[in-house]
Each structure stands twice: as structure tokens, then as C-alpha cells.
Amino acid sequence: MPIEYEFLQRALLSLGVGALIGLEREYTKKQQTVGLRSFALVSLLGCISVLLSQPLLFPLPIELPYLPYLGLIIVIGYAFLVYYFMAKKQFFGITTTLALPLTYLFGMFIGYGLFLDAIIAAVLLTLLLYSRRYSHIFVSHLTEVELADALQFAIVLFVIYPILPDAPLAILGVDLMLKRFVEIIIVLSVMSFLGFIAIRLVGQRILPLTGFLAGFVSALSVIATFCNHSRDRGADPWTFSAGVSAASISSLLGDVIILAYACAPLLLLLFPAYLIMMAALVVASLPFFRHKEHSDFRVELGQPFSVLYGAKFALAFFIVLIVTQYVSAFGSGALLVASFLAGLASVTSVVVSIALQVSSGTLPVTEGARAVFVATFAGLIAKMGVLAFAASPELKKKSLPVLAVAMIAGLVALLLTV
């Protein structure tokens, strides 16, 4: 590649990276001091300073090894000068001040030939800057308990998890891959958190969307809440039915995500059944999705990063693991019965337990697939039981047949595939 073309490529890419960040700053903040052109030039300055510091593309008459670092100091000074003048105008935001040196560093990345790194970093920074309004909305609604739970979760993730042993631990005669199990709890917490934060950001006015997002946290609790509100004066059974179906879909989707992470062979066997069940729920529920608002409705979600929640799940999981591993010695029939009974209380515990046993080789994948499906089947029965006892007659009439259709469709798909 000619040197001129290589130089043009790096110059244009550095301008583009800086312009992307500057476009967001100029659009969001209506900047008059620093905007698209300023950020583009700062990024280009970082790129050229690297090219002038060492002979990367062309020979240099003089060596300037410290030029990029000198340029960085100048950009930092310029950024704080910008902050000073903006502060005189009663504007005290420091985000732009911090973004300018980062943009210079991204230009340096491009100068060194780290094109993909610079592009990824610039896109992430732009998304972070653009999310300002949404992050402020979310943080303003955080409670002290939720913040404490998030800090405790960070300790588990960044302090405790790295020091856990990779080898399985023998606990009460059960070989437990502790690190793998904690990884799955982290995945569960992240899924719950995404649903939790989405509800905080978009509100709870559209019941189907609320049901889908909250279903990642606890589908059974959400359906119970729907059932209680379905008896309210003026409650629309159509939209509550849509919420029940949406929560059931996200519950199944959550199990699919767990299986994809914990045991891919198990997912390959079960995916057709899960896909058929979710498709049946969607098709059978299409008449329900009218997206009406229910102004008095609210789903109270537990903190997804709660260490106490994680401890309760760990205890439930360990009990299920011991029971399923013990009864599997008595044949597949005993394992299916145990999975069904455990699935009535917590499908996720069974999914994680069976997935870890299959991945460790202590349980055949076919038997594991049947056990997971039986637990899923039990989970749908538990949801139907809540509907039968707590829902209004109109909600029962609409939602119970939908869940029954999903169960039958999944059972047929399982029999044809496993």
C-alpha cells in the first residue's frame, strides 16, 4: 500500500472517530465552544503526533519520541481551559472536558495502527455520552438498598469470583464446580438487571412490555401481580392476558440463555421445543396485544443484584442438585419426578443443576433434556395454578388456554426431537 494512501486512511479515520464524538457533544449539549470540528481536529492531532514521533510510515529528519505525550498534556490543558470558560457561563458539566483527552488518545491509537480498538472505544464513549438522560433517570430512581446491593454484587464479581478454584469441590458427596456456578448466577443477575433497568427507564404503562421485561426477574411473581390487578375495577383482561403471555415468553427465553451459556449440547436438544413453545405463546396471544394503559398498575421488583437473593438461589440450587444427583441413581423416572416437583418452585434451579451435571459428564444429555423440559412443564403448571386461583374469570378464560397450547406444542416438539 502506498505511503500516501496509508497516511490518508489514518488521517480520515482519526477525523471520523473524533467527528463521531463531537457530533454527539454538539447535538446533545448544543456546544458553541467545542463541537464536531474541535473533536475531529483533536483526534487528528493525536494521530499525527504519533506519526511524527517515530518512522511508522515515512522516514523522519528528527526523532520526537515524546511528542504524543506532550500533545496529550496540551489537550488536557485545553480541555480545562474550555471548562473554565464554560463555568463562567454557569455551565459546570465536566463530561466534555474528560472526553477531549480521550478523543486525543483514540487518535493516537489510529496513529499506531490500532484501528479497530479506536473505533470500538469511540463508539462506546459516544453511547455512554448519549445515554446521559437515561442514566440520570435511572440513578434518580435508585434506592439506598439497591445501591448497596449493586456494590455487594461488584465485590462478588471482581473480588470473590477471580479467586474461586477452577477444580470441582466435593460438598456432601456432590462434586460442585463452584466457579462455573457463580458464573451462572452472574448471568442470571445481569439478565434480571437488564429487565429491571428497562422497566425503570420506559415505565410500566404498557402491560405486555412490562410483563416481558419483568419476566426475566420473576415471571411467576409478575403473573401473580397481574392476577391481583385483574380484579380491579375497569381492568382490561385483554392486556393483562398479553402481559401473562409476555412474562411466560421471557421466562422461557431466560432458560434458553442460561442453557446456551452453561451447556450447549443440552440446548441443541431442547431448542426446538423451547422455540415451538415461545412461538405458540406469541401466535395464540396476538389478539391480546392491544397496548392499553393501566395508570394504577405497578410491578414491584426485587433488587436483581441482591446478595441475599443470590444466597437463596444458591441454597435452592444446591438442594435441587443433591436431590437430582441422588435420585438419578434410581433411574430416569425418579429424576423426572424430582425435576417436576422442583420445577413447581424454581425452574431455573433445575435448569442450572441439570446443565452442570450434563456438562460435567455425570448425566447423559438425553436424560438431562427430559428433566429440564419436565421442570419447564411444571413451571407452566405453577403459572396456570396461580391464574386458576387468583385471576379474574375473564383473565382465566383467556390466559389458561394459551399456556395449555404452549405446553402441548412443546411436548409434541420434545417427543419428536428427543
Protein backbone atom coordinates (compact mmCIF):
# COMPACT_ATOMS: atom_id res chain seq x y z
CA MET A 1 0.00 0.00 0.00
CA PRO A 2 1.48 3.44 -0.93
CA ILE A 3 2.58 5.60 1.95
CA GLU A 4 0.34 8.45 0.85
CA TYR A 5 -2.74 6.20 0.84
CA GLU A 6 -1.84 4.80 4.27
CA PHE A 7 -1.45 8.32 5.65
CA LEU A 8 -4.76 9.42 4.10
CA GLN A 9 -6.50 6.37 5.58
CA ARG A 10 -5.28 7.12 9.10
CA ALA A 11 -5.99 10.82 8.81
CA LEU A 12 -9.56 10.29 7.60
CA LEU A 13 -10.25 7.59 10.19
CA SER A 14 -8.98 9.80 13.02
CA LEU A 15 -11.14 12.66 11.75
CA GLY A 16 -14.16 10.35 11.59
CA VAL A 17 -13.64 9.00 15.10
CA GLY A 18 -13.33 12.49 16.54
CA ALA A 19 -16.28 13.76 14.50
CA LEU A 20 -18.50 10.97 15.84
CA ILE A 21 -17.84 12.02 19.44
CA GLY A 22 -18.07 15.71 18.57
CA LEU A 23 -21.38 15.19 16.76
CA GLU A 24 -22.91 13.75 19.92
CA ARG A 25 -21.48 16.58 22.06
CA GLU A 26 -22.69 19.27 19.68
CA TYR A 27 -26.15 17.72 19.30
CA THR A 28 -26.74 16.91 22.96
CA LYS A 29 -25.17 19.94 24.60
CA LYS A 30 -25.68 22.45 21.76
CA GLN A 31 -21.99 23.28 22.18
CA GLN A 32 -20.70 26.59 20.88
CA THR A 33 -17.16 26.23 22.24
CA VAL A 34 -16.22 22.66 21.27
CA GLY A 35 -18.21 20.56 18.85
CA LEU A 36 -17.81 18.31 15.84
CA ARG A 37 -14.86 20.11 14.25
CA SER A 38 -12.94 20.58 17.51
CA PHE A 39 -13.18 16.90 18.45
CA ALA A 40 -12.24 15.84 14.91
CA LEU A 41 -9.15 18.05 14.98
CA VAL A 42 -8.14 16.80 18.45
CA SER A 43 -8.31 13.21 17.20
CA LEU A 44 -6.30 14.12 14.08
CA LEU A 45 -3.74 15.83 16.30
CA GLY A 46 -3.30 12.60 18.28
CA CYS A 47 -2.81 10.60 15.08
CA ILE A 48 -0.28 12.99 13.52
CA SER A 49 1.68 13.34 16.76
CA VAL A 50 2.28 9.58 16.73
CA LEU A 51 3.29 9.57 13.05
CA LEU A 52 5.77 12.39 13.74
CA SER A 53 7.21 10.71 16.84
CA GLN A 54 8.60 7.65 15.06
CA PRO A 55 9.09 6.44 11.48
CA LEU A 56 5.94 4.34 11.19
CA LEU A 57 5.05 5.37 7.62
CA PHE A 58 7.94 7.51 6.40
CA PRO A 59 11.48 8.45 7.49
CA LEU A 60 11.80 11.46 9.77
CA PRO A 61 14.63 14.01 9.75
CA ILE A 62 14.43 14.27 13.54
CA GLU A 63 13.22 11.98 16.30
CA LEU A 64 10.38 13.30 18.51
CA PRO A 65 9.58 10.33 20.80
CA TYR A 66 7.83 12.46 23.42
CA LEU A 67 5.64 14.43 21.01
CA PRO A 68 2.41 12.36 21.60
CA TYR A 69 2.71 12.79 25.37
CA LEU A 70 3.43 16.50 25.04
CA GLY A 71 0.37 16.77 22.83
CA LEU A 72 -1.71 14.95 25.43
CA ILE A 73 -0.64 17.44 28.11
CA ILE A 74 -1.57 20.32 25.80
CA VAL A 75 -5.00 18.79 25.08
CA ILE A 76 -5.65 18.28 28.79
CA GLY A 77 -4.77 21.92 29.39
CA TYR A 78 -7.04 22.97 26.53
CA ALA A 79 -9.87 20.85 27.98
CA PHE A 80 -9.64 22.52 31.38
CA LEU A 81 -9.44 25.91 29.69
CA VAL A 82 -12.70 25.07 27.92
CA TYR A 83 -14.19 24.06 31.26
CA TYR A 84 -13.11 27.36 32.78
CA PHE A 85 -14.86 29.42 30.12
CA MET A 86 -17.99 27.24 30.26
CA ALA A 87 -18.06 27.55 34.05
CA LYS A 88 -18.05 31.35 33.68
CA LYS A 89 -21.27 30.91 31.71
CA GLN A 90 -22.75 28.95 34.63
CA PHE A 91 -22.30 25.61 32.84
CA PHE A 92 -20.49 23.18 35.12
CA GLY A 93 -20.63 19.89 33.18
CA ILE A 94 -17.22 18.21 33.11
CA THR A 95 -18.08 15.42 30.66
CA THR A 96 -16.82 17.33 27.61
CA THR A 97 -13.62 18.19 29.47
CA LEU A 98 -12.93 14.49 30.02
CA ALA A 99 -13.99 13.47 26.51
CA LEU A 100 -11.40 15.68 24.79
CA PRO A 101 -8.24 13.87 26.10
CA LEU A 102 -9.91 10.52 25.39
CA THR A 103 -10.53 11.61 21.80
CA TYR A 104 -6.84 12.53 21.52
CA LEU A 105 -5.90 9.06 22.79
CA PHE A 106 -8.18 7.45 20.20
CA GLY A 107 -6.32 9.43 17.54
CA MET A 108 -3.07 8.05 18.95
CA PHE A 109 -4.48 4.53 18.65
CA ILE A 110 -5.09 5.14 14.95
CA GLY A 111 -1.60 6.55 14.55
CA TYR A 112 -0.19 3.31 15.97
CA GLY A 113 -2.40 1.26 13.63
CA LEU A 114 -4.91 0.10 16.25
CA PHE A 115 -7.88 0.91 14.02
CA LEU A 116 -10.46 -1.48 15.45
CA ASP A 117 -9.56 -0.59 19.04
CA ALA A 118 -10.05 3.11 18.34
CA ILE A 119 -13.38 2.57 16.58
CA ILE A 120 -14.77 0.34 19.36
CA ALA A 121 -13.62 2.76 22.06
CA ALA A 122 -15.11 5.75 20.22
CA VAL A 123 -18.46 4.04 19.69
CA LEU A 124 -18.64 3.02 23.35
CA LEU A 125 -17.74 6.53 24.50
CA THR A 126 -20.37 8.03 22.20
CA LEU A 127 -23.03 5.65 23.51
CA LEU A 128 -22.05 6.46 27.08
CA LEU A 129 -22.27 10.19 26.42
CA TYR A 130 -25.60 9.86 24.62
CA SER A 131 -27.09 7.80 27.46
CA ARG A 132 -26.79 10.74 29.85
CA ARG A 133 -30.52 11.43 30.09
CA TYR A 134 -31.43 7.78 30.60
CA SER A 135 -28.68 7.18 33.16
CA HIS A 136 -29.80 10.21 35.19
CA ILE A 137 -33.39 8.95 35.14
CA PHE A 138 -32.30 5.53 36.35
CA VAL A 139 -29.93 6.79 39.05
CA SER A 140 -32.50 9.26 40.34
CA HIS A 141 -34.88 6.34 40.99
CA LEU A 142 -32.30 4.15 42.76
CA THR A 143 -32.88 3.46 46.41
CA GLU A 144 -30.16 3.14 49.03
CA VAL A 145 -30.83 -0.60 49.32
CA GLU A 146 -30.45 -1.10 45.56
CA LEU A 147 -27.18 0.82 45.52
CA ALA A 148 -25.85 -1.27 48.42
CA ASP A 149 -26.86 -4.46 46.59
CA ALA A 150 -25.04 -3.28 43.46
CA LEU A 151 -21.86 -2.65 45.48
CA GLN A 152 -22.09 -6.08 47.10
CA PHE A 153 -22.55 -7.66 43.68
CA ALA A 154 -19.45 -5.82 42.45
CA ILE A 155 -17.47 -7.33 45.35
CA VAL A 156 -18.67 -10.81 44.38
CA LEU A 157 -17.86 -10.22 40.70
CA PHE A 158 -14.47 -8.50 40.95
CA VAL A 159 -13.05 -9.75 44.28
CA ILE A 160 -14.52 -13.15 45.19
CA TYR A 161 -15.10 -14.67 41.74
CA PRO A 162 -11.48 -14.34 40.47
CA ILE A 163 -10.09 -16.28 43.46
CA LEU A 164 -12.54 -19.20 43.25
CA PRO A 165 -10.89 -22.52 42.31
CA ASP A 166 -11.42 -23.93 38.82
CA ALA A 167 -11.42 -27.52 40.07
CA PRO A 168 -14.70 -29.02 41.36
CA LEU A 169 -15.26 -29.10 45.12
CA ALA A 170 -16.71 -32.13 46.94
CA ILE A 171 -19.56 -30.89 49.19
CA LEU A 172 -21.70 -33.51 50.95
CA GLY A 173 -20.65 -36.06 48.38
CA VAL A 174 -21.53 -33.80 45.43
CA ASP A 175 -18.85 -32.51 43.06
CA LEU A 176 -19.72 -28.84 42.59
CA MET A 177 -17.98 -26.64 40.03
CA LEU A 178 -18.23 -23.58 42.23
CA LYS A 179 -16.71 -21.10 39.79
CA ARG A 180 -18.99 -22.24 36.98
CA PHE A 181 -21.99 -21.94 39.27
CA VAL A 182 -21.08 -18.39 40.30
CA GLU A 183 -20.70 -17.51 36.61
CA ILE A 184 -24.28 -18.66 36.01
CA ILE A 185 -25.52 -16.59 38.97
CA ILE A 186 -23.77 -13.59 37.41
CA VAL A 187 -25.51 -14.27 34.07
CA LEU A 188 -28.86 -14.54 35.87
CA SER A 189 -28.23 -11.29 37.73
CA VAL A 190 -27.27 -9.47 34.54
CA MET A 191 -30.44 -10.68 32.76
CA SER A 192 -32.54 -9.63 35.73
CA PHE A 193 -30.77 -6.27 35.87
CA LEU A 194 -31.44 -5.58 32.19
CA GLY A 195 -35.15 -6.18 32.72
CA PHE A 196 -35.04 -4.17 35.93
CA ILE A 197 -33.33 -1.15 34.37
CA ALA A 198 -35.52 -1.29 31.25
CA ILE A 199 -38.67 -1.01 33.35
CA ARG A 200 -37.14 1.88 35.29
CA LEU A 201 -36.37 3.69 32.02
CA VAL A 202 -39.52 3.04 29.96
CA GLY A 203 -42.02 2.98 32.82
CA GLN A 204 -44.77 0.46 33.46
CA ARG A 205 -47.62 1.85 31.42
CA ILE A 206 -47.65 -0.77 28.66
CA LEU A 207 -48.53 -4.07 30.30
CA PRO A 208 -47.16 -6.51 27.69
CA LEU A 209 -43.77 -4.78 27.67
CA THR A 210 -43.76 -4.65 31.48
CA GLY A 211 -44.59 -8.35 31.63
CA PHE A 212 -41.82 -9.27 29.19
CA LEU A 213 -39.11 -7.25 30.93
CA ALA A 214 -40.16 -8.20 34.46
CA GLY A 215 -40.42 -11.86 33.43
CA PHE A 216 -36.63 -12.05 33.36
CA VAL A 217 -36.64 -11.20 37.07
CA SER A 218 -39.50 -13.43 38.22
CA ALA A 219 -42.24 -14.49 35.81
CA LEU A 220 -44.34 -16.20 38.50
CA SER A 221 -44.33 -13.08 40.71
CA VAL A 222 -45.28 -10.91 37.75
CA ILE A 223 -48.17 -13.17 36.79
CA ALA A 224 -49.37 -13.18 40.39
CA THR A 225 -49.32 -9.36 40.32
CA PHE A 226 -51.29 -9.36 37.06
CA CYS A 227 -53.84 -11.72 38.59
CA ASN A 228 -54.35 -9.48 41.62
CA HIS A 229 -54.82 -6.37 39.47
CA SER A 230 -57.09 -8.18 37.02
CA ARG A 231 -59.88 -7.91 39.60
CA ASP A 232 -59.55 -4.11 39.80
CA ARG A 233 -62.45 -2.03 38.63
CA GLY A 234 -62.02 -1.20 34.94
CA ALA A 235 -59.11 -3.62 34.42
CA ASP A 236 -58.77 -4.78 30.81
CA PRO A 237 -58.41 -8.60 30.66
CA TRP A 238 -57.02 -8.43 27.11
CA THR A 239 -53.90 -6.50 28.07
CA PHE A 240 -53.40 -8.49 31.28
CA SER A 241 -53.55 -11.67 29.18
CA ALA A 242 -50.91 -10.20 26.89
CA GLY A 243 -48.78 -9.46 29.96
CA VAL A 244 -49.10 -13.05 31.19
CA SER A 245 -48.02 -14.39 27.80
CA ALA A 246 -45.14 -11.92 27.56
CA ALA A 247 -43.85 -12.87 31.02
CA SER A 248 -44.04 -16.56 30.09
CA ILE A 249 -42.11 -15.93 26.88
CA SER A 250 -39.31 -14.05 28.65
CA SER A 251 -39.15 -16.80 31.28
CA LEU A 252 -38.56 -19.41 28.55
CA LEU A 253 -36.10 -17.11 26.79
CA GLY A 254 -34.16 -16.71 30.04
CA ASP A 255 -33.83 -20.50 30.35
CA VAL A 256 -32.57 -20.65 26.76
CA ILE A 257 -29.89 -18.05 27.55
CA ILE A 258 -28.79 -20.00 30.64
CA LEU A 259 -28.55 -23.24 28.66
CA ALA A 260 -26.63 -21.50 25.88
CA TYR A 261 -24.05 -20.40 28.43
CA ALA A 262 -23.97 -23.47 30.69
CA CYS A 263 -24.44 -26.44 28.35
CA ALA A 264 -24.71 -26.02 24.57
CA PRO A 265 -25.38 -29.74 23.83
CA LEU A 266 -28.40 -29.63 26.12
CA LEU A 267 -29.69 -26.52 24.39
CA LEU A 268 -29.35 -28.14 20.96
CA LEU A 269 -31.76 -30.88 22.03
CA LEU A 270 -34.21 -28.58 23.78
CA PHE A 271 -34.15 -25.57 21.47
CA PRO A 272 -36.86 -26.87 19.07
CA ALA A 273 -39.24 -27.44 21.99
CA TYR A 274 -38.50 -24.03 23.51
CA LEU A 275 -38.87 -22.34 20.13
CA ILE A 276 -42.21 -24.04 19.48
CA MET A 277 -43.49 -23.07 22.94
CA MET A 278 -42.49 -19.42 22.52
CA ALA A 279 -43.96 -19.33 19.01
CA ALA A 280 -47.21 -20.86 20.29
CA LEU A 281 -47.41 -18.24 23.04
CA VAL A 282 -46.87 -15.44 20.54
CA VAL A 283 -49.36 -16.71 17.96
CA ALA A 284 -52.06 -17.59 20.49
CA SER A 285 -51.65 -14.22 22.22
CA LEU A 286 -51.73 -11.94 19.18
CA PRO A 287 -55.36 -10.86 19.76
CA PHE A 288 -54.42 -9.76 23.30
CA PHE A 289 -51.77 -7.19 22.38
CA ARG A 290 -53.79 -4.01 22.33
CA HIS A 291 -51.25 -1.94 24.31
CA LYS A 292 -53.73 -0.12 26.51
CA GLU A 293 -52.53 1.74 29.57
CA HIS A 294 -53.40 0.93 33.15
CA SER A 295 -52.48 4.02 35.13
CA ASP A 296 -52.76 2.44 38.59
CA PHE A 297 -50.70 -0.64 37.77
CA ARG A 298 -47.20 -1.20 39.10
CA VAL A 299 -44.92 -4.22 39.38
CA GLU A 300 -42.69 -4.18 42.46
CA LEU A 301 -39.47 -5.93 41.52
CA GLY A 302 -36.84 -7.15 43.93
CA GLN A 303 -33.28 -5.96 43.55
CA PRO A 304 -31.67 -8.14 40.85
CA PHE A 305 -28.17 -7.74 42.35
CA SER A 306 -29.24 -8.65 45.88
CA VAL A 307 -26.68 -10.88 47.55
CA LEU A 308 -29.48 -12.25 49.72
CA TYR A 309 -31.36 -13.24 46.57
CA GLY A 310 -28.22 -14.92 45.26
CA ALA A 311 -27.78 -16.80 48.55
CA LYS A 312 -31.39 -18.03 48.44
CA PHE A 313 -30.97 -19.18 44.86
CA ALA A 314 -27.68 -20.90 45.73
CA LEU A 315 -29.36 -22.77 48.57
CA ALA A 316 -32.28 -23.80 46.35
CA PHE A 317 -29.88 -24.83 43.62
CA PHE A 318 -27.73 -26.92 45.98
CA ILE A 319 -30.79 -28.73 47.34
CA VAL A 320 -32.01 -29.44 43.81
CA LEU A 321 -28.52 -30.57 42.77
CA ILE A 322 -28.24 -33.03 45.66
CA VAL A 323 -31.75 -34.41 45.11
CA THR A 324 -31.47 -34.78 41.34
CA GLN A 325 -27.99 -36.30 41.51
CA TYR A 326 -29.14 -38.71 44.22
CA VAL A 327 -32.38 -39.82 42.57
CA SER A 328 -30.74 -40.19 39.15
CA ALA A 329 -29.19 -43.37 40.51
CA PHE A 330 -32.71 -44.83 40.78
CA GLY A 331 -33.40 -44.33 37.06
CA SER A 332 -34.75 -41.69 34.72
CA GLY A 333 -38.26 -41.97 36.18
CA ALA A 334 -37.15 -40.84 39.63
CA LEU A 335 -35.15 -37.98 38.10
CA LEU A 336 -38.17 -36.76 36.16
CA VAL A 337 -40.37 -36.82 39.27
CA ALA A 338 -37.77 -34.87 41.27
CA SER A 339 -37.34 -32.34 38.44
CA PHE A 340 -41.09 -31.87 38.18
CA LEU A 341 -41.51 -31.23 41.91
CA ALA A 342 -38.54 -28.85 42.00
CA GLY A 343 -39.77 -27.09 38.85
CA LEU A 344 -43.01 -26.17 40.59
CA ALA A 345 -40.95 -23.95 42.91
CA SER A 346 -38.00 -22.88 40.72
CA VAL A 347 -37.45 -23.89 37.11
CA THR A 348 -34.16 -22.00 36.95
CA SER A 349 -32.65 -24.06 39.79
CA VAL A 350 -33.41 -27.26 37.89
CA VAL A 351 -32.09 -25.85 34.61
CA VAL A 352 -28.79 -24.84 36.23
CA SER A 353 -28.45 -28.10 38.18
CA ILE A 354 -29.11 -30.35 35.19
CA ALA A 355 -26.93 -28.25 32.89
CA LEU A 356 -23.96 -28.51 35.24
CA GLN A 357 -24.42 -32.27 35.63
CA VAL A 358 -24.62 -32.78 31.86
CA SER A 359 -21.60 -30.55 31.20
CA SER A 360 -19.57 -32.43 33.83
CA GLY A 361 -20.49 -35.79 32.28
CA THR A 362 -22.37 -37.21 35.28
CA LEU A 363 -25.72 -37.21 33.46
CA PRO A 364 -26.50 -38.23 29.86
CA VAL A 365 -27.60 -35.32 27.71
CA THR A 366 -30.85 -37.01 26.64
CA GLU A 367 -31.95 -37.67 30.24
CA GLY A 368 -30.93 -34.14 31.15
CA ALA A 369 -33.05 -32.72 28.31
CA ARG A 370 -36.11 -34.62 29.51
CA ALA A 371 -35.55 -33.47 33.11
CA VAL A 372 -35.21 -29.82 32.09
CA PHE A 373 -38.35 -29.97 29.98
CA VAL A 374 -40.30 -31.61 32.79
CA ALA A 375 -39.23 -28.77 35.10
CA THR A 376 -40.28 -26.23 32.46
CA PHE A 377 -43.59 -28.07 32.15
CA ALA A 378 -44.01 -27.85 35.94
CA GLY A 379 -43.23 -24.13 35.83
CA LEU A 380 -46.05 -23.58 33.33
CA ILE A 381 -48.37 -25.61 35.55
CA ALA A 382 -47.43 -23.40 38.51
CA LYS A 383 -48.29 -20.32 36.45
CA MET A 384 -51.60 -21.89 35.48
CA GLY A 385 -52.27 -22.66 39.14
CA VAL A 386 -51.73 -19.00 40.09
CA LEU A 387 -54.09 -17.97 37.29
CA ALA A 388 -56.72 -20.51 38.34
CA PHE A 389 -56.77 -19.37 41.97
CA ALA A 390 -56.08 -15.62 41.79
CA ALA A 391 -57.09 -14.26 38.38
CA SER A 392 -60.39 -12.76 37.37
CA PRO A 393 -62.74 -15.05 35.39
CA GLU A 394 -62.03 -13.09 32.19
CA LEU A 395 -58.26 -13.43 32.60
CA LYS A 396 -58.57 -17.16 33.34
CA LYS A 397 -60.66 -17.67 30.24
CA LYS A 398 -58.10 -16.00 28.01
CA SER A 399 -54.73 -16.99 29.51
CA LEU A 400 -55.19 -20.60 30.65
CA PRO A 401 -55.85 -21.94 27.11
CA VAL A 402 -52.79 -20.08 25.81
CA LEU A 403 -50.47 -21.67 28.37
CA ALA A 404 -52.08 -25.06 27.74
CA VAL A 405 -51.45 -24.71 23.99
CA ALA A 406 -47.79 -23.84 24.68
CA MET A 407 -47.39 -26.91 26.91
CA ILE A 408 -48.91 -29.26 24.34
CA ALA A 409 -46.87 -27.78 21.48
CA GLY A 410 -43.66 -28.08 23.48
CA LEU A 411 -44.44 -31.67 24.48
CA VAL A 412 -45.04 -32.66 20.86
CA ALA A 413 -41.80 -31.00 19.78
CA LEU A 414 -39.90 -32.77 22.56
CA LEU A 415 -41.28 -36.18 21.62
CA LEU A 416 -40.29 -35.61 18.00
CA THR A 417 -36.76 -34.45 18.77
CA VAL A 418 -35.52 -36.15 21.96
